């Protein structure tokens, strides 16, 4: 049974690592991904920390940078 469980865990890890991510997210999704409130994300946008593209969405690269900076702090 332990082998089956370890295989299942590995399969979930592989899926999570290869599952396609969106190229851009809305402000609510960004708040969830960053573990912040919606008003805090709005403040980060207004201060220029998180950019908006021409569609009003946040590029996923900006989310990745913000997450990396939060981990480093």
Foldseek 3Di string as FASTA:
>chain_A
DVVVVVVVVVVVVVCVVPPDDDQWAALVVLCVLQVHDSVVSVVCPVVPQFDADPVRTTGVVSSVVSNVVVVVD
